[in-house]
Amino acid sequence: MKVLYAALLVAMSTTTYGQDFCKQIKKEVSDDKMTYDYSSPFDQYERNAIKVTRSYNNDIENGYDNFILTFQYFAGLDDIYIKNDKGEQVEKKEKSLIIEFADKTKITDDTIVVLHDFSDDKAESKRFVYFPITDENITQLTTKKIVKYTIAGFEQAAPADPQNALMQYIKCMKAVKK
């Protein structure tokens, strides 16, 4: 019976309730202790990925606090180009992000600029956006599960997140002392 009890304790410690998401966040501090950078675990090669980052500086004159979600997905190389009036291939200028939650509510931002890049092997393009976490949207982002997102009209399923890690990373970074 004691062996079974011990096994159950070990199993429970690896579940959502036993996992400390705050310890998974990478923290970097500048030598002068003015700039702090935090980032959630992130695989830059994942087809569709979401990353939480927070970077702030305590300088009285030039301080800042950037708290963002980065949404990305890979697509074909031609997906980010169009032909201009002269027939030349130019990069698209795209905007818009829709974040959809499990309860079917959405956050929509038609003004957010979509950025483009390439995969390391230059075989694919990458679309990504930097979405600011604000006082107006943090409650939704910390209490509702993101199930999909749409960048410039291209819908993507959110990465598997059975333990609601994204919500936890946002909570952890919100709580950091400045």
C-alpha atoms as a PDB file:
ATOM      1  CA  MET A   1       0.000   0.000   0.000  1.00  0.00           C
ATOM      2  CA  LYS A   2       2.858   2.386   0.815  1.00  0.00           C
ATOM      3  CA  VAL A   3       4.383   1.733  -2.616  1.00  0.00           C
ATOM      4  CA  LEU A   4       1.076   2.558  -4.302  1.00  0.00           C
ATOM      5  CA  TYR A   5       0.723   5.734  -2.244  1.00  0.00           C
ATOM      6  CA  ALA A   6       4.282   6.826  -3.143  1.00  0.00           C
ATOM      7  CA  ALA A   7       3.643   6.130  -6.835  1.00  0.00           C
ATOM      8  CA  LEU A   8       0.471   8.216  -6.733  1.00  0.00           C
ATOM      9  CA  LEU A   9       2.325  11.111  -5.126  1.00  0.00           C
ATOM     10  CA  VAL A  10       4.989  11.021  -7.833  1.00  0.00           C
ATOM     11  CA  ALA A  11       2.351  10.882 -10.580  1.00  0.00           C
ATOM     12  CA  MET A  12       0.435  13.785  -9.078  1.00  0.00           C
ATOM     13  CA  SER A  13       3.567  15.911  -8.827  1.00  0.00           C
ATOM     14  CA  THR A  14       3.931  15.827 -12.619  1.00  0.00           C
ATOM     15  CA  THR A  15       0.380  16.973 -13.316  1.00  0.00           C
ATOM     16  CA  THR A  16      -0.818  20.507 -13.816  1.00  0.00           C
ATOM     17  CA  TYR A  17      -1.223  20.988 -10.097  1.00  0.00           C
ATOM     18  CA  GLY A  18       2.357  20.010  -9.338  1.00  0.00           C
ATOM     19  CA  GLN A  19       4.034  21.898 -12.175  1.00  0.00           C
ATOM     20  CA  ASP A  20       5.626  25.271 -11.492  1.00  0.00           C
ATOM     21  CA  PHE A  21       5.314  27.179 -14.746  1.00  0.00           C
ATOM     22  CA  CYS A  22       7.153  30.195 -13.337  1.00  0.00           C
ATOM     23  CA  LYS A  23      10.334  28.117 -13.040  1.00  0.00           C
ATOM     24  CA  GLN A  24      10.161  27.336 -16.777  1.00  0.00           C
ATOM     25  CA  ILE A  25      10.456  31.015 -17.698  1.00  0.00           C
ATOM     26  CA  LYS A  26      13.890  32.165 -18.830  1.00  0.00           C
ATOM     27  CA  LYS A  27      15.104  35.302 -17.041  1.00  0.00           C
ATOM     28  CA  GLU A  28      17.980  37.555 -18.044  1.00  0.00           C
ATOM     29  CA  VAL A  29      19.116  40.627 -16.118  1.00  0.00           C
ATOM     30  CA  SER A  30      21.508  43.284 -17.405  1.00  0.00           C
ATOM     31  CA  ASP A  31      24.771  43.868 -15.546  1.00  0.00           C
ATOM     32  CA  ASP A  32      23.493  47.207 -14.244  1.00  0.00           C
ATOM     33  CA  LYS A  33      20.293  45.522 -12.979  1.00  0.00           C
ATOM     34  CA  MET A  34      18.136  47.945 -14.970  1.00  0.00           C
ATOM     35  CA  THR A  35      16.862  45.697 -17.778  1.00  0.00           C
ATOM     36  CA  TYR A  36      14.954  42.482 -17.161  1.00  0.00           C
ATOM     37  CA  ASP A  37      13.951  40.048 -19.916  1.00  0.00           C
ATOM     38  CA  TYR A  38      11.586  37.118 -19.397  1.00  0.00           C
ATOM     39  CA  SER A  39      10.482  34.556 -21.986  1.00  0.00           C
ATOM     40  CA  SER A  40       8.375  31.439 -21.955  1.00  0.00           C
ATOM     41  CA  PRO A  41       9.630  28.190 -23.458  1.00  0.00           C
ATOM     42  CA  PHE A  42       9.394  28.442 -27.234  1.00  0.00           C
ATOM     43  CA  ASP A  43      10.361  26.273 -30.182  1.00  0.00           C
ATOM     44  CA  GLN A  44      11.168  28.565 -33.098  1.00  0.00           C
ATOM     45  CA  TYR A  45      10.820  25.604 -35.470  1.00  0.00           C
ATOM     46  CA  GLU A  46       7.283  24.717 -34.386  1.00  0.00           C
ATOM     47  CA  ARG A  47       4.849  25.174 -37.280  1.00  0.00           C
ATOM     48  CA  ASN A  48       2.515  27.371 -35.293  1.00  0.00           C
ATOM     49  CA  ALA A  49       3.728  28.727 -32.004  1.00  0.00           C
ATOM     50  CA  ILE A  50       2.908  31.278 -29.323  1.00  0.00           C
ATOM     51  CA  LYS A  51       5.508  32.835 -27.037  1.00  0.00           C
ATOM     52  CA  VAL A  52       5.077  35.080 -23.994  1.00  0.00           C
ATOM     53  CA  THR A  53       7.767  37.688 -23.335  1.00  0.00           C
ATOM     54  CA  ARG A  54       8.200  40.609 -21.029  1.00  0.00           C
ATOM     55  CA  SER A  55      11.072  43.053 -21.124  1.00  0.00           C
ATOM     56  CA  TYR A  56      11.323  46.111 -18.947  1.00  0.00           C
ATOM     57  CA  ASN A  57      13.848  48.729 -17.980  1.00  0.00           C
ATOM     58  CA  ASN A  58      13.761  50.717 -14.738  1.00  0.00           C
ATOM     59  CA  ASP A  59      15.675  53.725 -16.044  1.00  0.00           C
ATOM     60  CA  ILE A  60      13.891  56.867 -14.833  1.00  0.00           C
ATOM     61  CA  GLU A  61      14.269  58.718 -18.148  1.00  0.00           C
ATOM     62  CA  ASN A  62      14.133  55.900 -20.696  1.00  0.00           C
ATOM     63  CA  GLY A  63      12.283  53.117 -18.911  1.00  0.00           C
ATOM     64  CA  TYR A  64       9.886  50.801 -20.733  1.00  0.00           C
ATOM     65  CA  ASP A  65       7.739  47.740 -20.150  1.00  0.00           C
ATOM     66  CA  ASN A  66       7.039  45.531 -23.177  1.00  0.00           C
ATOM     67  CA  PHE A  67       4.727  42.633 -22.345  1.00  0.00           C
ATOM     68  CA  ILE A  68       3.760  40.692 -25.479  1.00  0.00           C
ATOM     69  CA  LEU A  69       2.516  37.496 -27.046  1.00  0.00           C
ATOM     70  CA  THR A  70       4.258  36.483 -30.257  1.00  0.00           C
ATOM     71  CA  PHE A  71       2.125  34.446 -32.659  1.00  0.00           C
ATOM     72  CA  GLN A  72       3.815  32.744 -35.617  1.00  0.00           C
ATOM     73  CA  TYR A  73       3.212  30.205 -38.346  1.00  0.00           C
ATOM     74  CA  PHE A  74       5.072  28.900 -41.389  1.00  0.00           C
ATOM     75  CA  ALA A  75       3.735  28.992 -44.954  1.00  0.00           C
ATOM     76  CA  GLY A  76       4.934  28.727 -48.527  1.00  0.00           C
ATOM     77  CA  LEU A  77       7.486  31.240 -49.780  1.00  0.00           C
ATOM     78  CA  ASP A  78       5.104  32.765 -52.306  1.00  0.00           C
ATOM     79  CA  ASP A  79       2.464  33.433 -49.645  1.00  0.00           C
ATOM     80  CA  ILE A  80       4.110  36.666 -48.494  1.00  0.00           C
ATOM     81  CA  TYR A  81       4.576  38.204 -51.948  1.00  0.00           C
ATOM     82  CA  ILE A  82       2.385  39.930 -54.515  1.00  0.00           C
ATOM     83  CA  LYS A  83       3.080  41.544 -57.885  1.00  0.00           C
ATOM     84  CA  ASN A  84       3.112  45.338 -57.992  1.00  0.00           C
ATOM     85  CA  ASP A  85       1.889  47.520 -60.897  1.00  0.00           C
ATOM     86  CA  LYS A  86       5.194  46.981 -62.707  1.00  0.00           C
ATOM     87  CA  GLY A  87       4.930  43.198 -62.418  1.00  0.00           C
ATOM     88  CA  GLU A  88       7.680  43.044 -59.808  1.00  0.00           C
ATOM     89  CA  GLN A  89       7.406  40.709 -56.850  1.00  0.00           C
ATOM     90  CA  VAL A  90       7.099  42.693 -53.602  1.00  0.00           C
ATOM     91  CA  GLU A  91       6.416  41.754 -50.012  1.00  0.00           C
ATOM     92  CA  LYS A  92       2.788  42.016 -48.893  1.00  0.00           C
ATOM     93  CA  LYS A  93       1.840  44.652 -46.341  1.00  0.00           C
ATOM     94  CA  GLU A  94      -0.544  42.796 -44.064  1.00  0.00           C
ATOM     95  CA  LYS A  95      -2.403  43.575 -40.870  1.00  0.00           C
ATOM     96  CA  SER A  96      -4.760  41.823 -38.465  1.00  0.00           C
ATOM     97  CA  LEU A  97      -4.836  39.274 -35.703  1.00  0.00           C
ATOM     98  CA  ILE A  98      -7.813  37.398 -34.285  1.00  0.00           C
ATOM     99  CA  ILE A  99      -7.363  35.371 -31.100  1.00  0.00           C
ATOM    100  CA  GLU A 100     -10.167  32.886 -30.430  1.00  0.00           C
ATOM    101  CA  PHE A 101     -10.745  31.325 -27.026  1.00  0.00           C
ATOM    102  CA  ALA A 102     -12.356  27.997 -26.075  1.00  0.00           C
ATOM    103  CA  ASP A 103     -15.576  29.806 -25.084  1.00  0.00           C
ATOM    104  CA  LYS A 104     -15.792  31.217 -28.675  1.00  0.00           C
ATOM    105  CA  THR A 105     -15.053  34.806 -27.593  1.00  0.00           C
ATOM    106  CA  LYS A 106     -12.432  36.688 -29.585  1.00  0.00           C
ATOM    107  CA  ILE A 107      -9.935  39.488 -29.433  1.00  0.00           C
ATOM    108  CA  THR A 108      -9.615  41.206 -32.818  1.00  0.00           C
ATOM    109  CA  ASP A 109      -6.955  43.732 -33.793  1.00  0.00           C
ATOM    110  CA  ASP A 110      -7.154  44.929 -37.408  1.00  0.00           C
ATOM    111  CA  THR A 111      -4.330  47.431 -36.929  1.00  0.00           C
ATOM    112  CA  ILE A 112      -1.560  45.074 -35.831  1.00  0.00           C
ATOM    113  CA  VAL A 113       1.215  44.779 -38.411  1.00  0.00           C
ATOM    114  CA  VAL A 114       2.108  41.306 -39.678  1.00  0.00           C
ATOM    115  CA  LEU A 115       5.830  40.737 -40.028  1.00  0.00           C
ATOM    116  CA  HIS A 116       7.523  38.289 -42.388  1.00  0.00           C
ATOM    117  CA  ASP A 117      10.661  36.213 -42.185  1.00  0.00           C
ATOM    118  CA  PHE A 118      12.047  32.960 -43.588  1.00  0.00           C
ATOM    119  CA  SER A 119      12.783  29.557 -42.151  1.00  0.00           C
ATOM    120  CA  ASP A 120      16.471  28.911 -41.503  1.00  0.00           C
ATOM    121  CA  ASP A 121      16.729  26.825 -44.668  1.00  0.00           C
ATOM    122  CA  LYS A 122      14.903  29.564 -46.668  1.00  0.00           C
ATOM    123  CA  ALA A 123      12.385  26.974 -47.874  1.00  0.00           C
ATOM    124  CA  GLU A 124       9.382  28.560 -46.159  1.00  0.00           C
ATOM    125  CA  SER A 125       8.124  31.948 -45.101  1.00  0.00           C
ATOM    126  CA  LYS A 126       7.038  32.823 -41.609  1.00  0.00           C
ATOM    127  CA  ARG A 127       4.287  35.248 -40.583  1.00  0.00           C
ATOM    128  CA  PHE A 128       4.332  36.602 -37.062  1.00  0.00           C
ATOM    129  CA  VAL A 129       2.874  39.374 -34.934  1.00  0.00           C
ATOM    130  CA  TYR A 130       3.745  40.966 -31.630  1.00  0.00           C
ATOM    131  CA  PHE A 131       0.509  41.376 -29.663  1.00  0.00           C
ATOM    132  CA  PRO A 132       0.745  43.655 -26.603  1.00  0.00           C
ATOM    133  CA  ILE A 133      -0.599  42.338 -23.318  1.00  0.00           C
ATOM    134  CA  THR A 134      -2.467  45.230 -21.703  1.00  0.00           C
ATOM    135  CA  ASP A 135      -4.685  45.946 -18.716  1.00  0.00           C
ATOM    136  CA  GLU A 136      -7.632  45.669 -21.128  1.00  0.00           C
ATOM    137  CA  ASN A 137      -6.873  42.135 -22.364  1.00  0.00           C
ATOM    138  CA  ILE A 138      -4.894  40.455 -19.585  1.00  0.00           C
ATOM    139  CA  THR A 139      -7.971  39.061 -17.839  1.00  0.00           C
ATOM    140  CA  GLN A 140      -9.046  37.201 -20.979  1.00  0.00           C
ATOM    141  CA  LEU A 141      -5.500  35.989 -21.631  1.00  0.00           C
ATOM    142  CA  THR A 142      -5.091  34.620 -18.092  1.00  0.00           C
ATOM    143  CA  THR A 143      -8.522  33.031 -17.702  1.00  0.00           C
ATOM    144  CA  LYS A 144      -9.425  31.703 -21.167  1.00  0.00           C
ATOM    145  CA  LYS A 145      -7.696  29.069 -23.251  1.00  0.00           C
ATOM    146  CA  ILE A 146      -6.543  30.168 -26.728  1.00  0.00           C
ATOM    147  CA  VAL A 147      -7.714  27.575 -29.251  1.00  0.00           C
ATOM    148  CA  LYS A 148      -6.822  29.290 -32.513  1.00  0.00           C
ATOM    149  CA  TYR A 149      -5.517  32.471 -34.010  1.00  0.00           C
ATOM    150  CA  THR A 150      -5.776  34.105 -37.405  1.00  0.00           C
ATOM    151  CA  ILE A 151      -2.966  36.209 -38.848  1.00  0.00           C
ATOM    152  CA  ALA A 152      -3.916  38.268 -41.923  1.00  0.00           C
ATOM    153  CA  GLY A 153      -6.780  35.897 -42.723  1.00  0.00           C
ATOM    154  CA  PHE A 154      -4.796  32.656 -42.242  1.00  0.00           C
ATOM    155  CA  GLU A 155      -6.312  30.616 -39.417  1.00  0.00           C
ATOM    156  CA  GLN A 156      -4.087  28.422 -37.265  1.00  0.00           C
ATOM    157  CA  ALA A 157      -4.888  26.007 -34.482  1.00  0.00           C
ATOM    158  CA  ALA A 158      -3.131  27.020 -31.283  1.00  0.00           C
ATOM    159  CA  PRO A 159      -0.360  24.652 -30.214  1.00  0.00           C
ATOM    160  CA  ALA A 160      -1.447  21.857 -27.892  1.00  0.00           C
ATOM    161  CA  ASP A 161      -1.575  23.313 -24.391  1.00  0.00           C
ATOM    162  CA  PRO A 162      -3.351  20.764 -22.195  1.00  0.00           C
ATOM    163  CA  GLN A 163      -2.051  22.343 -18.999  1.00  0.00           C
ATOM    164  CA  ASN A 164      -2.922  25.927 -19.967  1.00  0.00           C
ATOM    165  CA  ALA A 165       0.748  26.888 -19.782  1.00  0.00           C
ATOM    166  CA  LEU A 166       0.263  30.126 -21.745  1.00  0.00           C
ATOM    167  CA  MET A 167      -2.157  31.460 -19.155  1.00  0.00           C
ATOM    168  CA  GLN A 168       0.264  30.494 -16.389  1.00  0.00           C
ATOM    169  CA  TYR A 169       3.277  32.114 -18.098  1.00  0.00           C
ATOM    170  CA  ILE A 170       1.337  35.370 -18.453  1.00  0.00           C
ATOM    171  CA  LYS A 171       0.352  35.270 -14.772  1.00  0.00           C
ATOM    172  CA  CYS A 172       3.958  34.625 -13.740  1.00  0.00           C
ATOM    173  CA  MET A 173       5.343  37.468 -15.839  1.00  0.00           C
ATOM    174  CA  LYS A 174       2.635  39.867 -14.696  1.00  0.00           C
ATOM    175  CA  ALA A 175       3.662  39.177 -11.103  1.00  0.00           C
ATOM    176  CA  VAL A 176       7.378  39.967 -11.525  1.00  0.00           C
ATOM    177  CA  LYS A 177       8.624  42.763  -9.325  1.00  0.00           C
ATOM    178  CA  LYS A 178       9.786  45.902 -11.066  1.00  0.00           C
END
